[in-house]
C-alpha cells in the first residue's frame, strides 16, 4: 500500500490543480483553510475499499450516503455515479456557500453526485474526503480531517464485516469488526 507521505503528496498536487481548474473547489478550499488552517486538509489513515463485497457504504457528515461498488469501480449517489480510474485522485466536498449538493471533483469534471439536507446539524465539509485510484488497482478512501467525520460500512471479501468511523472534532479512527453469529458449519 502507498505510504501516507506518498498519498499526501498526490493530494497536494491534485488540490493545486483543482484550485486552478474549478472555481467552486478554490472557493471551498480557501474558505475551509481560512477557518481551520493551511495544514487542516491531510490524509490521516486511508482505508482500502477495493477487494470488498459490493457495496461499501460511505456516509459523509453522518447523513449523506454514497455507495462504492468495486465490481464496477464506481462511486454512486442519487444524482449520478463516477467511475474511479487507476492513477486518479477524487476529492469530495461541498460548495461554499452551501447549495445542498455533494460534489466530486475529478481530473475530468466537477460532478454533483448526491443531495444532502442542509437543515441537519452536521453536513459534509467543504473539503471532506478523497478517493485514490492507485496504479496497482487498489482503491483507497481517506477522510481529509473533515469537521463532520465519515463512516464506512461493508464487508471484505474474506468475509469480515467492518465499520470504520472517522470521528471529530479531531480525527480518531475506530474500526469495528463484526464477528459471525454462527461460526462453523450448521448442524443437521
C-alpha atoms as a PDB file:
ATOM      1  CA  UNK A   1       0.000   0.000   0.000  1.00  0.00           C
ATOM      2  CA  UNK A   2       1.073   3.579  -0.585  1.00  0.00           C
ATOM      3  CA  UNK A   3       2.718   5.454   2.275  1.00  0.00           C
ATOM      4  CA  UNK A   4       0.940   8.376   3.936  1.00  0.00           C
ATOM      5  CA  UNK A   5       3.642  10.721   2.619  1.00  0.00           C
ATOM      6  CA  UNK A   6       3.076   9.472  -0.934  1.00  0.00           C
ATOM      7  CA  UNK A   7      -0.707   9.883  -0.656  1.00  0.00           C
ATOM      8  CA  UNK A   8      -0.289  13.337   0.906  1.00  0.00           C
ATOM      9  CA  UNK A   9       1.962  14.356  -1.992  1.00  0.00           C
ATOM     10  CA  UNK A  10      -0.617  13.162  -4.528  1.00  0.00           C
ATOM     11  CA  UNK A  11      -3.341  15.045  -2.655  1.00  0.00           C
ATOM     12  CA  UNK A  12      -1.305  18.270  -2.571  1.00  0.00           C
ATOM     13  CA  UNK A  13      -0.739  18.070  -6.330  1.00  0.00           C
ATOM     14  CA  UNK A  14      -4.436  17.459  -7.024  1.00  0.00           C
ATOM     15  CA  UNK A  15      -5.532  20.274  -4.691  1.00  0.00           C
ATOM     16  CA  UNK A  16      -3.240  22.668  -6.554  1.00  0.00           C
ATOM     17  CA  UNK A  17      -4.613  21.511  -9.938  1.00  0.00           C
ATOM     18  CA  UNK A  18      -8.264  21.639  -8.810  1.00  0.00           C
ATOM     19  CA  UNK A  19      -7.864  25.169  -7.351  1.00  0.00           C
ATOM     20  CA  UNK A  20      -6.749  26.327 -10.818  1.00  0.00           C
ATOM     21  CA  UNK A  21      -9.333  24.291 -12.736  1.00  0.00           C
ATOM     22  CA  UNK A  22     -12.533  24.678 -10.659  1.00  0.00           C
ATOM     23  CA  UNK A  23     -13.656  27.977  -9.149  1.00  0.00           C
ATOM     24  CA  UNK A  24     -16.005  26.119  -6.787  1.00  0.00           C
ATOM     25  CA  UNK A  25     -13.129  23.998  -5.474  1.00  0.00           C
ATOM     26  CA  UNK A  26     -10.911  27.055  -4.988  1.00  0.00           C
ATOM     27  CA  UNK A  27     -13.694  28.821  -3.021  1.00  0.00           C
ATOM     28  CA  UNK A  28     -14.379  25.740  -0.866  1.00  0.00           C
ATOM     29  CA  UNK A  29     -10.663  25.128  -0.244  1.00  0.00           C
ATOM     30  CA  UNK A  30      -9.891  28.785   0.531  1.00  0.00           C
ATOM     31  CA  UNK A  31     -12.754  29.199   2.990  1.00  0.00           C
ATOM     32  CA  UNK A  32     -12.037  25.840   4.685  1.00  0.00           C
ATOM     33  CA  UNK A  33      -8.319  26.522   5.169  1.00  0.00           C
ATOM     34  CA  UNK A  34      -9.054  30.118   6.294  1.00  0.00           C
ATOM     35  CA  UNK A  35     -11.273  28.686   9.032  1.00  0.00           C
ATOM     36  CA  UNK A  36      -9.231  25.622  10.061  1.00  0.00           C
ATOM     37  CA  UNK A  37      -5.673  26.419   8.908  1.00  0.00           C
ATOM     38  CA  UNK A  38      -3.495  25.556   5.910  1.00  0.00           C
ATOM     39  CA  UNK A  39      -2.478  22.172   7.348  1.00  0.00           C
ATOM     40  CA  UNK A  40      -6.051  21.093   8.123  1.00  0.00           C
ATOM     41  CA  UNK A  41      -6.509  19.068   4.925  1.00  0.00           C
ATOM     42  CA  UNK A  42      -4.435  15.903   5.014  1.00  0.00           C
ATOM     43  CA  UNK A  43      -4.625  12.153   4.664  1.00  0.00           C
ATOM     44  CA  UNK A  44      -4.966  10.641   8.131  1.00  0.00           C
ATOM     45  CA  UNK A  45      -5.487   6.914   7.687  1.00  0.00           C
ATOM     46  CA  UNK A  46      -6.589   5.537   4.335  1.00  0.00           C
ATOM     47  CA  UNK A  47      -8.976   2.606   4.205  1.00  0.00           C
ATOM     48  CA  UNK A  48      -8.790   0.049   1.389  1.00  0.00           C
ATOM     49  CA  UNK A  49     -12.224  -0.187  -0.255  1.00  0.00           C
ATOM     50  CA  UNK A  50     -11.098  -2.360  -3.153  1.00  0.00           C
ATOM     51  CA  UNK A  51     -11.463  -6.103  -2.674  1.00  0.00           C
ATOM     52  CA  UNK A  52     -14.712  -5.601  -0.796  1.00  0.00           C
ATOM     53  CA  UNK A  53     -18.155  -7.061  -1.349  1.00  0.00           C
ATOM     54  CA  UNK A  54     -20.462  -4.580  -3.082  1.00  0.00           C
ATOM     55  CA  UNK A  55     -21.425  -2.079  -1.883  1.00  0.00           C
ATOM     56  CA  UNK A  56     -19.331  -0.266   0.691  1.00  0.00           C
ATOM     57  CA  UNK A  57     -21.481   2.460   2.213  1.00  0.00           C
ATOM     58  CA  UNK A  58     -19.680   5.762   2.721  1.00  0.00           C
ATOM     59  CA  UNK A  59     -21.509   8.289   4.880  1.00  0.00           C
ATOM     60  CA  UNK A  60     -20.204  11.854   4.864  1.00  0.00           C
ATOM     61  CA  UNK A  61     -21.291  14.198   7.621  1.00  0.00           C
ATOM     62  CA  UNK A  62     -23.281  11.332   9.209  1.00  0.00           C
ATOM     63  CA  UNK A  63     -26.292  11.878   6.922  1.00  0.00           C
ATOM     64  CA  UNK A  64     -25.085  11.841   3.303  1.00  0.00           C
ATOM     65  CA  UNK A  65     -24.642   8.301   1.909  1.00  0.00           C
ATOM     66  CA  UNK A  66     -22.628   7.228  -1.120  1.00  0.00           C
ATOM     67  CA  UNK A  67     -22.074   3.690  -2.379  1.00  0.00           C
ATOM     68  CA  UNK A  68     -18.791   2.305  -3.702  1.00  0.00           C
ATOM     69  CA  UNK A  69     -19.096  -0.797  -5.873  1.00  0.00           C
ATOM     70  CA  UNK A  70     -15.697  -2.291  -6.577  1.00  0.00           C
ATOM     71  CA  UNK A  71     -17.094  -4.662  -9.221  1.00  0.00           C
ATOM     72  CA  UNK A  72     -17.808  -1.532 -11.321  1.00  0.00           C
ATOM     73  CA  UNK A  73     -15.127   0.683  -9.738  1.00  0.00           C
ATOM     74  CA  UNK A  74     -17.899   3.242  -9.275  1.00  0.00           C
ATOM     75  CA  UNK A  75     -18.865   5.704  -6.572  1.00  0.00           C
ATOM     76  CA  UNK A  76     -22.608   6.387  -6.708  1.00  0.00           C
ATOM     77  CA  UNK A  77     -25.069   8.817  -5.200  1.00  0.00           C
ATOM     78  CA  UNK A  78     -28.707   9.554  -6.008  1.00  0.00           C
ATOM     79  CA  UNK A  79     -27.799  12.052  -8.749  1.00  0.00           C
ATOM     80  CA  UNK A  80     -25.123  10.151 -10.677  1.00  0.00           C
ATOM     81  CA  UNK A  81     -22.056   7.937 -10.373  1.00  0.00           C
ATOM     82  CA  UNK A  82     -18.350   8.401 -11.004  1.00  0.00           C
ATOM     83  CA  UNK A  83     -16.017   5.744 -12.374  1.00  0.00           C
ATOM     84  CA  UNK A  84     -12.841   5.510 -10.280  1.00  0.00           C
ATOM     85  CA  UNK A  85      -9.872   5.261 -12.634  1.00  0.00           C
ATOM     86  CA  UNK A  86      -6.403   3.981 -11.772  1.00  0.00           C
ATOM     87  CA  UNK A  87      -3.858   6.715 -11.149  1.00  0.00           C
ATOM     88  CA  UNK A  88      -6.511   9.368 -10.364  1.00  0.00           C
ATOM     89  CA  UNK A  89      -7.487  11.181  -7.177  1.00  0.00           C
ATOM     90  CA  UNK A  90     -11.059  12.328  -6.481  1.00  0.00           C
ATOM     91  CA  UNK A  91     -11.976  14.868  -3.811  1.00  0.00           C
ATOM     92  CA  UNK A  92     -15.465  15.033  -2.269  1.00  0.00           C
ATOM     93  CA  UNK A  93     -16.966  18.053  -0.567  1.00  0.00           C
ATOM     94  CA  UNK A  94     -19.489  20.819  -0.942  1.00  0.00           C
ATOM     95  CA  UNK A  95     -19.566  24.238  -2.486  1.00  0.00           C
ATOM     96  CA  UNK A  96     -19.194  27.410  -0.464  1.00  0.00           C
ATOM     97  CA  UNK A  97     -21.757  28.846   0.050  1.00  0.00           C
ATOM     98  CA  UNK A  98     -23.670  25.569   0.521  1.00  0.00           C
ATOM     99  CA  UNK A  99     -26.176  24.599  -2.170  1.00  0.00           C
ATOM    100  CA  UNK A 100     -27.201  21.150  -0.818  1.00  0.00           C
ATOM    101  CA  UNK A 101     -25.116  19.291  -3.421  1.00  0.00           C
ATOM    102  CA  UNK A 102     -22.244  16.940  -2.622  1.00  0.00           C
ATOM    103  CA  UNK A 103     -19.559  17.381  -5.264  1.00  0.00           C
ATOM    104  CA  UNK A 104     -16.866  15.040  -6.568  1.00  0.00           C
ATOM    105  CA  UNK A 105     -14.018  16.973  -8.142  1.00  0.00           C
ATOM    106  CA  UNK A 106     -12.065  14.756 -10.524  1.00  0.00           C
ATOM    107  CA  UNK A 107      -9.354  15.391 -13.094  1.00  0.00           C
ATOM    108  CA  UNK A 108     -12.087  15.259 -15.776  1.00  0.00           C
ATOM    109  CA  UNK A 109     -15.023  17.160 -14.260  1.00  0.00           C
ATOM    110  CA  UNK A 110     -16.883  18.648 -11.311  1.00  0.00           C
ATOM    111  CA  UNK A 111     -19.758  16.237 -10.645  1.00  0.00           C
ATOM    112  CA  UNK A 112     -22.851  16.718  -8.468  1.00  0.00           C
ATOM    113  CA  UNK A 113     -23.222  13.194  -7.073  1.00  0.00           C
ATOM    114  CA  UNK A 114     -25.662  13.480  -4.158  1.00  0.00           C
ATOM    115  CA  UNK A 115     -28.027  15.931  -2.492  1.00  0.00           C
ATOM    116  CA  UNK A 116     -27.768  16.461   1.233  1.00  0.00           C
ATOM    117  CA  UNK A 117     -30.267  18.012   3.606  1.00  0.00           C
ATOM    118  CA  UNK A 118     -28.877  21.396   4.659  1.00  0.00           C
ATOM    119  CA  UNK A 119     -31.363  21.530   7.578  1.00  0.00           C
ATOM    120  CA  UNK A 120     -29.451  18.890   9.555  1.00  0.00           C
ATOM    121  CA  UNK A 121     -26.844  19.978  12.055  1.00  0.00           C
ATOM    122  CA  UNK A 122     -23.944  18.065  10.513  1.00  0.00           C
ATOM    123  CA  UNK A 123     -23.448  18.348   6.764  1.00  0.00           C
ATOM    124  CA  UNK A 124     -20.458  17.295   4.637  1.00  0.00           C
ATOM    125  CA  UNK A 125     -17.379  19.503   4.933  1.00  0.00           C
ATOM    126  CA  UNK A 126     -16.284  21.760   2.095  1.00  0.00           C
ATOM    127  CA  UNK A 127     -13.207  19.579   1.577  1.00  0.00           C
ATOM    128  CA  UNK A 128     -14.305  16.303   3.126  1.00  0.00           C
ATOM    129  CA  UNK A 129     -12.640  13.173   1.754  1.00  0.00           C
ATOM    130  CA  UNK A 130     -10.624  11.721  -1.108  1.00  0.00           C
ATOM    131  CA  UNK A 131     -10.637   8.521  -3.093  1.00  0.00           C
ATOM    132  CA  UNK A 132      -7.336   7.355  -4.528  1.00  0.00           C
ATOM    133  CA  UNK A 133      -7.425   5.063  -7.564  1.00  0.00           C
ATOM    134  CA  UNK A 134      -3.935   3.564  -7.373  1.00  0.00           C
ATOM    135  CA  UNK A 135      -1.933   2.253 -10.317  1.00  0.00           C
ATOM    136  CA  UNK A 136      -1.964  -1.303  -8.909  1.00  0.00           C
ATOM    137  CA  UNK A 137      -5.786  -1.392  -8.980  1.00  0.00           C
ATOM    138  CA  UNK A 138      -6.314  -0.712  -5.278  1.00  0.00           C
ATOM    139  CA  UNK A 139      -8.830   1.962  -4.277  1.00  0.00           C
ATOM    140  CA  UNK A 140      -8.426   3.849  -1.001  1.00  0.00           C
ATOM    141  CA  UNK A 141     -10.829   6.122   0.883  1.00  0.00           C
ATOM    142  CA  UNK A 142      -9.410   8.822   3.159  1.00  0.00           C
ATOM    143  CA  UNK A 143     -11.228  11.335   5.317  1.00  0.00           C
ATOM    144  CA  UNK A 144      -9.203  14.548   4.988  1.00  0.00           C
ATOM    145  CA  UNK A 145      -9.768  15.700   8.565  1.00  0.00           C
ATOM    146  CA  UNK A 146     -13.298  16.853   7.826  1.00  0.00           C
ATOM    147  CA  UNK A 147     -15.050  18.731  10.589  1.00  0.00           C
ATOM    148  CA  UNK A 148     -18.089  16.418  10.327  1.00  0.00           C
ATOM    149  CA  UNK A 149     -16.490  12.969  10.052  1.00  0.00           C
ATOM    150  CA  UNK A 150     -17.137   9.894   7.904  1.00  0.00           C
ATOM    151  CA  UNK A 151     -18.460   6.388   8.393  1.00  0.00           C
ATOM    152  CA  UNK A 152     -17.639   3.387   6.191  1.00  0.00           C
ATOM    153  CA  UNK A 153     -19.573   0.137   6.450  1.00  0.00           C
ATOM    154  CA  UNK A 154     -19.197  -3.013   4.401  1.00  0.00           C
ATOM    155  CA  UNK A 155     -17.638  -6.421   4.234  1.00  0.00           C
ATOM    156  CA  UNK A 156     -14.266  -7.584   2.968  1.00  0.00           C
ATOM    157  CA  UNK A 157     -14.045 -10.477   0.556  1.00  0.00           C
ATOM    158  CA  UNK A 158     -12.740 -12.739   3.385  1.00  0.00           C
ATOM    159  CA  UNK A 159     -15.724 -12.219   4.599  1.00  0.00           C
ATOM    160  CA  UNK A 160     -15.228  -9.814   7.505  1.00  0.00           C
ATOM    161  CA  UNK A 161     -17.865  -7.147   8.131  1.00  0.00           C
ATOM    162  CA  UNK A 162     -16.450  -3.758   9.166  1.00  0.00           C
ATOM    163  CA  UNK A 163     -17.440  -0.306  10.310  1.00  0.00           C
ATOM    164  CA  UNK A 164     -14.858   2.462  10.237  1.00  0.00           C
ATOM    165  CA  UNK A 165     -15.590   5.789  11.878  1.00  0.00           C
ATOM    166  CA  UNK A 166     -13.575   8.935  11.274  1.00  0.00           C
ATOM    167  CA  UNK A 167     -14.719  10.922  14.293  1.00  0.00           C
ATOM    168  CA  UNK A 168     -14.487  14.612  15.037  1.00  0.00           C
ATOM    169  CA  UNK A 169     -13.504  17.103  16.427  1.00  0.00           C
ATOM    170  CA  UNK A 170     -10.105  15.538  15.899  1.00  0.00           C
ATOM    171  CA  UNK A 171      -9.621  12.583  13.641  1.00  0.00           C
ATOM    172  CA  UNK A 172      -9.643   9.289  15.501  1.00  0.00           C
ATOM    173  CA  UNK A 173     -10.050   6.104  13.523  1.00  0.00           C
ATOM    174  CA  UNK A 174     -12.273   3.483  15.127  1.00  0.00           C
ATOM    175  CA  UNK A 175     -12.568   0.083  13.447  1.00  0.00           C
ATOM    176  CA  UNK A 176     -15.241  -2.347  14.463  1.00  0.00           C
ATOM    177  CA  UNK A 177     -15.192  -5.870  13.102  1.00  0.00           C
ATOM    178  CA  UNK A 178     -18.339  -7.875  13.464  1.00  0.00           C
ATOM    179  CA  UNK A 179     -17.998 -11.491  14.494  1.00  0.00           C
ATOM    180  CA  UNK A 180     -20.062 -14.072  12.662  1.00  0.00           C
ATOM    181  CA  UNK A 181     -23.122 -15.002  14.663  1.00  0.00           C
ATOM    182  CA  UNK A 182     -22.804 -18.694  13.845  1.00  0.00           C
ATOM    183  CA  UNK A 183     -19.252 -19.923  13.438  1.00  0.00           C
ATOM    184  CA  UNK A 184     -18.559 -23.174  11.643  1.00  0.00           C
ATOM    185  CA  UNK A 185     -20.970 -25.409   9.790  1.00  0.00           C
ATOM    186  CA  UNK A 186     -24.620 -25.787  10.634  1.00  0.00           C
ATOM    187  CA  UNK A 187     -25.805 -28.943  12.426  1.00  0.00           C
ATOM    188  CA  UNK A 188     -28.460 -31.018  10.735  1.00  0.00           C
END
